C-alpha atoms as a PDB file:
ATOM      1  CA  MET A   1     -27.460 -33.559   6.042  1.00  0.00           C
ATOM      2  CA  VAL A   2     -28.966 -31.249   3.425  1.00  0.00           C
ATOM      3  CA  GLN A   3     -28.050 -27.596   3.805  1.00  0.00           C
ATOM      4  CA  ILE A   4     -30.945 -25.689   2.200  1.00  0.00           C
ATOM      5  CA  ARG A   5     -30.395 -21.988   1.535  1.00  0.00           C
ATOM      6  CA  LYS A   6     -33.783 -21.401  -0.026  1.00  0.00           C
ATOM      7  CA  LEU A   7     -36.939 -23.396  -0.689  1.00  0.00           C
ATOM      8  CA  ALA A   8     -39.601 -22.071  -3.050  1.00  0.00           C
ATOM      9  CA  LEU A   9     -42.950 -23.717  -3.709  1.00  0.00           C
ATOM     10  CA  LEU A  10     -44.883 -22.958  -6.885  1.00  0.00           C
ATOM     11  CA  ARG A  11     -48.505 -23.832  -7.638  1.00  0.00           C
ATOM     12  CA  GLU A  12     -49.575 -23.533 -11.258  1.00  0.00           C
ATOM     13  CA  GLN A  13     -53.232 -23.940 -12.187  1.00  0.00           C
ATOM     14  CA  ALA A  14     -54.223 -24.194 -15.862  1.00  0.00           C
ATOM     15  CA  PHE A  15     -57.814 -23.635 -17.018  1.00  0.00           C
ATOM     16  CA  SER A  16     -57.839 -23.421 -20.806  1.00  0.00           C
ATOM     17  CA  GLU A  17     -55.826 -23.884 -23.977  1.00  0.00           C
ATOM     18  CA  MET A  18     -56.258 -21.806 -27.143  1.00  0.00           C
ATOM     19  CA  GLY A  19     -59.492 -20.375 -25.745  1.00  0.00           C
ATOM     20  CA  ALA A  20     -61.008 -23.795 -25.080  1.00  0.00           C
ATOM     21  CA  ASP A  21     -61.845 -24.561 -21.461  1.00  0.00           C
ATOM     22  CA  CYS A  22     -60.936 -27.934 -20.023  1.00  0.00           C
ATOM     23  CA  ALA A  23     -63.271 -30.100 -17.951  1.00  0.00           C
ATOM     24  CA  ARG A  24     -61.317 -29.266 -14.787  1.00  0.00           C
ATOM     25  CA  PRO A  25     -58.189 -27.258 -14.065  1.00  0.00           C
ATOM     26  CA  VAL A  26     -54.883 -29.093 -13.892  1.00  0.00           C
ATOM     27  CA  VAL A  27     -52.583 -28.192 -11.000  1.00  0.00           C
ATOM     28  CA  ARG A  28     -48.819 -28.556 -11.047  1.00  0.00           C
ATOM     29  CA  ALA A  29     -46.964 -28.217  -7.755  1.00  0.00           C
ATOM     30  CA  VAL A  30     -43.217 -27.616  -7.814  1.00  0.00           C
ATOM     31  CA  ALA A  31     -40.552 -27.423  -5.120  1.00  0.00           C
ATOM     32  CA  LEU A  32     -37.286 -25.633  -5.932  1.00  0.00           C
ATOM     33  CA  ALA A  33     -34.574 -26.125  -3.315  1.00  0.00           C
ATOM     34  CA  ALA A  34     -31.239 -24.318  -3.496  1.00  0.00           C
ATOM     35  CA  ILE A  35     -28.842 -26.517  -1.563  1.00  0.00           C
ATOM     36  CA  ALA A  36     -25.129 -26.373  -0.796  1.00  0.00           C
ATOM     37  CA  ASN A  37     -22.980 -28.588  -3.000  1.00  0.00           C
ATOM     38  CA  PRO A  38     -20.469 -30.184  -0.622  1.00  0.00           C
ATOM     39  CA  PHE A  39     -18.339 -31.306  -3.580  1.00  0.00           C
ATOM     40  CA  ALA A  40     -18.195 -28.032  -5.521  1.00  0.00           C
ATOM     41  CA  GLY A  41     -14.781 -27.274  -6.964  1.00  0.00           C
ATOM     42  CA  ARG A  42     -13.293 -30.732  -6.542  1.00  0.00           C
ATOM     43  CA  PHE A  43     -13.558 -34.269  -7.851  1.00  0.00           C
ATOM     44  CA  VAL A  44     -14.900 -36.722  -5.269  1.00  0.00           C
ATOM     45  CA  ARG A  45     -15.423 -40.385  -6.085  1.00  0.00           C
ATOM     46  CA  ASP A  46     -17.940 -41.173  -3.302  1.00  0.00           C
ATOM     47  CA  LEU A  47     -21.129 -39.148  -3.780  1.00  0.00           C
ATOM     48  CA  SER A  48     -23.059 -40.878  -0.966  1.00  0.00           C
ATOM     49  CA  ASN A  49     -23.803 -37.586   0.805  1.00  0.00           C
ATOM     50  CA  LEU A  50     -25.649 -36.271  -2.254  1.00  0.00           C
ATOM     51  CA  ILE A  51     -27.422 -39.597  -2.805  1.00  0.00           C
ATOM     52  CA  ASP A  52     -28.781 -39.487   0.751  1.00  0.00           C
ATOM     53  CA  ALA A  53     -29.617 -35.786   0.381  1.00  0.00           C
ATOM     54  CA  GLY A  54     -31.872 -36.592  -2.591  1.00  0.00           C
ATOM     55  CA  ALA A  55     -33.981 -38.905  -0.461  1.00  0.00           C
ATOM     56  CA  ALA A  56     -34.132 -36.375   2.377  1.00  0.00           C
ATOM     57  CA  LEU A  57     -35.288 -33.616   0.007  1.00  0.00           C
ATOM     58  CA  ALA A  58     -38.069 -35.774  -1.427  1.00  0.00           C
ATOM     59  CA  GLU A  59     -39.252 -36.672   2.075  1.00  0.00           C
ATOM     60  CA  ARG A  60     -39.252 -33.025   3.076  1.00  0.00           C
ATOM     61  CA  VAL A  61     -41.111 -31.497   0.116  1.00  0.00           C
ATOM     62  CA  ALA A  62     -43.510 -34.251  -1.011  1.00  0.00           C
ATOM     63  CA  PRO A  63     -46.105 -33.533   1.706  1.00  0.00           C
ATOM     64  CA  ASP A  64     -46.156 -29.830   0.755  1.00  0.00           C
ATOM     65  CA  LEU A  65     -46.541 -30.650  -2.926  1.00  0.00           C
ATOM     66  CA  LEU A  66     -49.431 -33.025  -2.228  1.00  0.00           C
ATOM     67  CA  LYS A  67     -51.274 -30.333  -0.254  1.00  0.00           C
ATOM     68  CA  MET A  68     -51.070 -27.961  -3.216  1.00  0.00           C
ATOM     69  CA  LEU A  69     -52.822 -30.319  -5.652  1.00  0.00           C
ATOM     70  CA  ASP A  70     -56.600 -30.324  -6.172  1.00  0.00           C
ATOM     71  CA  GLY A  71     -56.703 -34.049  -6.941  1.00  0.00           C
ATOM     72  CA  PRO A  72     -54.561 -37.132  -6.551  1.00  0.00           C
ATOM     73  CA  PRO A  73     -51.117 -36.955  -8.152  1.00  0.00           C
ATOM     74  CA  VAL A  74     -50.932 -38.657 -11.535  1.00  0.00           C
ATOM     75  CA  SER A  75     -47.798 -37.123 -12.973  1.00  0.00           C
ATOM     76  CA  TYR A  76     -44.311 -36.327 -11.705  1.00  0.00           C
ATOM     77  CA  GLY A  77     -40.855 -35.086 -12.642  1.00  0.00           C
ATOM     78  CA  LYS A  78     -37.517 -34.133 -11.122  1.00  0.00           C
ATOM     79  CA  GLY A  79     -34.480 -32.160 -12.162  1.00  0.00           C
ATOM     80  CA  ALA A  80     -31.424 -30.242 -11.071  1.00  0.00           C
ATOM     81  CA  ILE A  81     -29.266 -27.361 -12.139  1.00  0.00           C
ATOM     82  CA  VAL A  82     -25.750 -27.732 -10.803  1.00  0.00           C
ATOM     83  CA  GLY A  83     -23.898 -24.479 -10.129  1.00  0.00           C
ATOM     84  CA  THR A  84     -20.812 -23.772 -12.214  1.00  0.00           C
ATOM     85  CA  ALA A  85     -18.369 -25.085  -9.575  1.00  0.00           C
ATOM     86  CA  GLY A  86     -19.998 -28.523  -9.713  1.00  0.00           C
ATOM     87  CA  GLU A  87     -20.382 -31.345 -12.202  1.00  0.00           C
ATOM     88  CA  LEU A  88     -23.359 -33.082 -13.798  1.00  0.00           C
ATOM     89  CA  GLU A  89     -22.800 -36.196 -11.695  1.00  0.00           C
ATOM     90  CA  HIS A  90     -23.597 -34.171  -8.560  1.00  0.00           C
ATOM     91  CA  GLY A  91     -27.106 -33.535  -9.852  1.00  0.00           C
ATOM     92  CA  HIS A  92     -27.588 -37.129 -10.957  1.00  0.00           C
ATOM     93  CA  ALA A  93     -26.479 -38.373  -7.525  1.00  0.00           C
ATOM     94  CA  LEU A  94     -29.280 -36.341  -5.948  1.00  0.00           C
ATOM     95  CA  LEU A  95     -31.973 -37.489  -8.370  1.00  0.00           C
ATOM     96  CA  HIS A  96     -31.474 -41.136  -9.154  1.00  0.00           C
ATOM     97  CA  PRO A  97     -30.388 -43.676  -6.591  1.00  0.00           C
ATOM     98  CA  LYS A  98     -32.678 -42.759  -3.676  1.00  0.00           C
ATOM     99  CA  MET A  99     -34.983 -39.809  -4.411  1.00  0.00           C
ATOM    100  CA  GLY A 100     -37.679 -41.883  -6.096  1.00  0.00           C
ATOM    101  CA  LYS A 101     -38.504 -44.201  -3.191  1.00  0.00           C
ATOM    102  CA  PRO A 102     -39.689 -41.537  -0.702  1.00  0.00           C
ATOM    103  CA  LEU A 103     -41.490 -39.631  -3.472  1.00  0.00           C
ATOM    104  CA  ARG A 104     -43.361 -42.767  -4.537  1.00  0.00           C
ATOM    105  CA  ALA A 105     -44.151 -43.580  -0.893  1.00  0.00           C
ATOM    106  CA  ALA A 106     -45.661 -40.128  -0.397  1.00  0.00           C
ATOM    107  CA  ILE A 107     -47.913 -40.384  -3.457  1.00  0.00           C
ATOM    108  CA  GLY A 108     -48.950 -44.003  -2.943  1.00  0.00           C
ATOM    109  CA  GLY A 109     -47.034 -45.673  -5.750  1.00  0.00           C
ATOM    110  CA  GLY A 110     -45.547 -44.885  -9.091  1.00  0.00           C
ATOM    111  CA  ALA A 111     -44.609 -47.745 -11.402  1.00  0.00           C
ATOM    112  CA  ALA A 112     -43.064 -45.584 -14.129  1.00  0.00           C
ATOM    113  CA  LEU A 113     -39.645 -43.998 -14.053  1.00  0.00           C
ATOM    114  CA  ILE A 114     -39.690 -40.396 -12.876  1.00  0.00           C
ATOM    115  CA  PRO A 115     -38.700 -38.240 -15.858  1.00  0.00           C
ATOM    116  CA  SER A 116     -35.617 -36.198 -15.074  1.00  0.00           C
ATOM    117  CA  VAL A 117     -33.068 -33.731 -16.385  1.00  0.00           C
ATOM    118  CA  VAL A 118     -29.784 -32.317 -15.077  1.00  0.00           C
ATOM    119  CA  LYS A 119     -27.690 -29.461 -16.409  1.00  0.00           C
ATOM    120  CA  ILE A 120     -24.991 -27.014 -15.354  1.00  0.00           C
ATOM    121  CA  GLY A 121     -26.091 -23.389 -15.073  1.00  0.00           C
ATOM    122  CA  PRO A 122     -25.681 -19.990 -13.476  1.00  0.00           C
ATOM    123  CA  PRO A 123     -28.114 -18.251 -11.108  1.00  0.00           C
ATOM    124  CA  GLY A 124     -31.480 -17.735 -12.760  1.00  0.00           C
ATOM    125  CA  ALA A 125     -30.964 -20.421 -15.415  1.00  0.00           C
ATOM    126  CA  PRO A 126     -34.257 -21.946 -16.591  1.00  0.00           C
ATOM    127  CA  LEU A 127     -34.886 -25.675 -16.359  1.00  0.00           C
ATOM    128  CA  ASP A 128     -37.257 -27.448 -18.741  1.00  0.00           C
ATOM    129  CA  LEU A 129     -38.577 -30.030 -16.301  1.00  0.00           C
ATOM    130  CA  PRO A 130     -40.066 -33.148 -17.930  1.00  0.00           C
ATOM    131  CA  LEU A 131     -43.278 -34.621 -16.524  1.00  0.00           C
ATOM    132  CA  GLY A 132     -44.757 -38.052 -17.099  1.00  0.00           C
ATOM    133  CA  HIS A 133     -47.507 -40.309 -15.798  1.00  0.00           C
ATOM    134  CA  LYS A 134     -46.556 -41.956 -12.509  1.00  0.00           C
ATOM    135  CA  ASP A 135     -47.754 -45.436 -13.522  1.00  0.00           C
ATOM    136  CA  ASP A 136     -47.817 -45.518 -17.324  1.00  0.00           C
ATOM    137  CA  ALA A 137     -44.656 -44.314 -19.066  1.00  0.00           C
ATOM    138  CA  TRP A 138     -46.515 -44.445 -22.406  1.00  0.00           C
ATOM    139  CA  SER A 139     -49.477 -42.251 -21.419  1.00  0.00           C
ATOM    140  CA  ARG A 140     -49.112 -39.690 -24.223  1.00  0.00           C
ATOM    141  CA  GLY A 141     -51.514 -37.241 -22.603  1.00  0.00           C
ATOM    142  CA  HIS A 142     -49.031 -36.906 -19.745  1.00  0.00           C
ATOM    143  CA  PHE A 143     -45.904 -36.279 -21.861  1.00  0.00           C
ATOM    144  CA  ASP A 144     -45.270 -32.731 -20.732  1.00  0.00           C
ATOM    145  CA  ALA A 145     -42.724 -30.236 -19.462  1.00  0.00           C
ATOM    146  CA  MET A 146     -42.698 -26.982 -17.590  1.00  0.00           C
ATOM    147  CA  THR A 147     -40.048 -24.305 -17.413  1.00  0.00           C
ATOM    148  CA  VAL A 148     -39.010 -23.259 -13.908  1.00  0.00           C
ATOM    149  CA  MET A 149     -36.291 -21.096 -12.408  1.00  0.00           C
ATOM    150  CA  LEU A 150     -35.223 -19.442  -9.195  1.00  0.00           C
ATOM    151  CA  GLY A 151     -33.744 -15.981  -9.714  1.00  0.00           C
ATOM    152  CA  ASP A 152     -30.700 -16.327  -7.479  1.00  0.00           C
ATOM    153  CA  ALA A 153     -30.014 -20.039  -7.752  1.00  0.00           C
ATOM    154  CA  PRO A 154     -27.983 -22.029  -8.216  1.00  0.00           C
ATOM    155  CA  ARG A 155     -25.003 -20.071  -7.031  1.00  0.00           C
ATOM    156  CA  ALA A 156     -21.659 -21.514  -8.169  1.00  0.00           C
ATOM    157  CA  GLN A 157     -21.340 -23.742  -5.095  1.00  0.00           C
ATOM    158  CA  GLU A 158     -24.994 -24.858  -5.027  1.00  0.00           C
ATOM    159  CA  ILE A 159     -27.405 -27.200  -6.727  1.00  0.00           C
ATOM    160  CA  LEU A 160     -30.987 -26.224  -7.501  1.00  0.00           C
ATOM    161  CA  VAL A 161     -33.108 -29.352  -7.024  1.00  0.00           C
ATOM    162  CA  VAL A 162     -36.597 -29.406  -8.536  1.00  0.00           C
ATOM    163  CA  ILE A 163     -39.400 -31.881  -7.768  1.00  0.00           C
ATOM    164  CA  ALA A 164     -42.864 -31.636  -9.329  1.00  0.00           C
ATOM    165  CA  LEU A 165     -46.237 -33.348  -9.021  1.00  0.00           C
ATOM    166  CA  ALA A 166     -49.344 -32.770 -11.129  1.00  0.00           C
ATOM    167  CA  ASP A 167     -52.958 -33.872 -10.782  1.00  0.00           C
ATOM    168  CA  GLY A 168     -53.470 -34.169 -14.542  1.00  0.00           C
ATOM    169  CA  GLY A 169     -51.771 -34.283 -17.894  1.00  0.00           C
ATOM    170  CA  ARG A 170     -51.760 -31.765 -20.725  1.00  0.00           C
ATOM    171  CA  LEU A 171     -54.941 -29.770 -21.090  1.00  0.00           C
ATOM    172  CA  LEU A 172     -57.175 -30.947 -23.912  1.00  0.00           C
ATOM    173  CA  HIS A 173     -54.673 -33.490 -25.254  1.00  0.00           C
ATOM    174  CA  ARG A 174     -55.861 -35.093 -28.451  1.00  0.00           C
ATOM    175  CA  ILE A 175     -53.390 -37.889 -29.119  1.00  0.00           C
ATOM    176  CA  GLY A 176     -53.237 -41.357 -27.618  1.00  0.00           C
ATOM    177  CA  GLU A 177     -55.466 -42.880 -24.948  1.00  0.00           C
ATOM    178  CA  GLY A 178     -58.530 -40.998 -23.835  1.00  0.00           C
ATOM    179  CA  ALA A 179     -58.310 -38.553 -26.729  1.00  0.00           C
ATOM    180  CA  PRO A 180     -61.552 -37.678 -28.495  1.00  0.00           C
ATOM    181  CA  HIS A 181     -61.741 -38.944 -32.101  1.00  0.00           C
END
């Protein structure tokens, strides 16, 4: 069971880059969930509770993220900041074994690995969340990142879990496939 203290949803809409307008805005939708870390302050070999919590979080927030997009999701990312009483493995347990399946189910696929990052940090620590194309890991126009934070999370005994979807790649990308020559 996931004990959520706070859930924040962020919708970012980008229209231009360096004064040049893009053909259509790109929307990034992000969920930031501050959850209790049941293993804070102690070493525990079996992290099954966090593994299952990762899947439950993806199931809970994916529908909200999809509603915030203007188009179909083409890009995704996930990350975690573990509070200072936890360890990196707590964040990885949330993100890797089971989170991807319900996220992919919600968006109708996703052949590429979901880019991810985990770090230890105090409340308000920023996370540079990587984003990548959901089906093509080598789509250079979708190599991206966004910096997110939640002012009072993670507390020492929490984990801030971040899941993002986007309906486009970088604005006006000019390298790789689809780039103007």
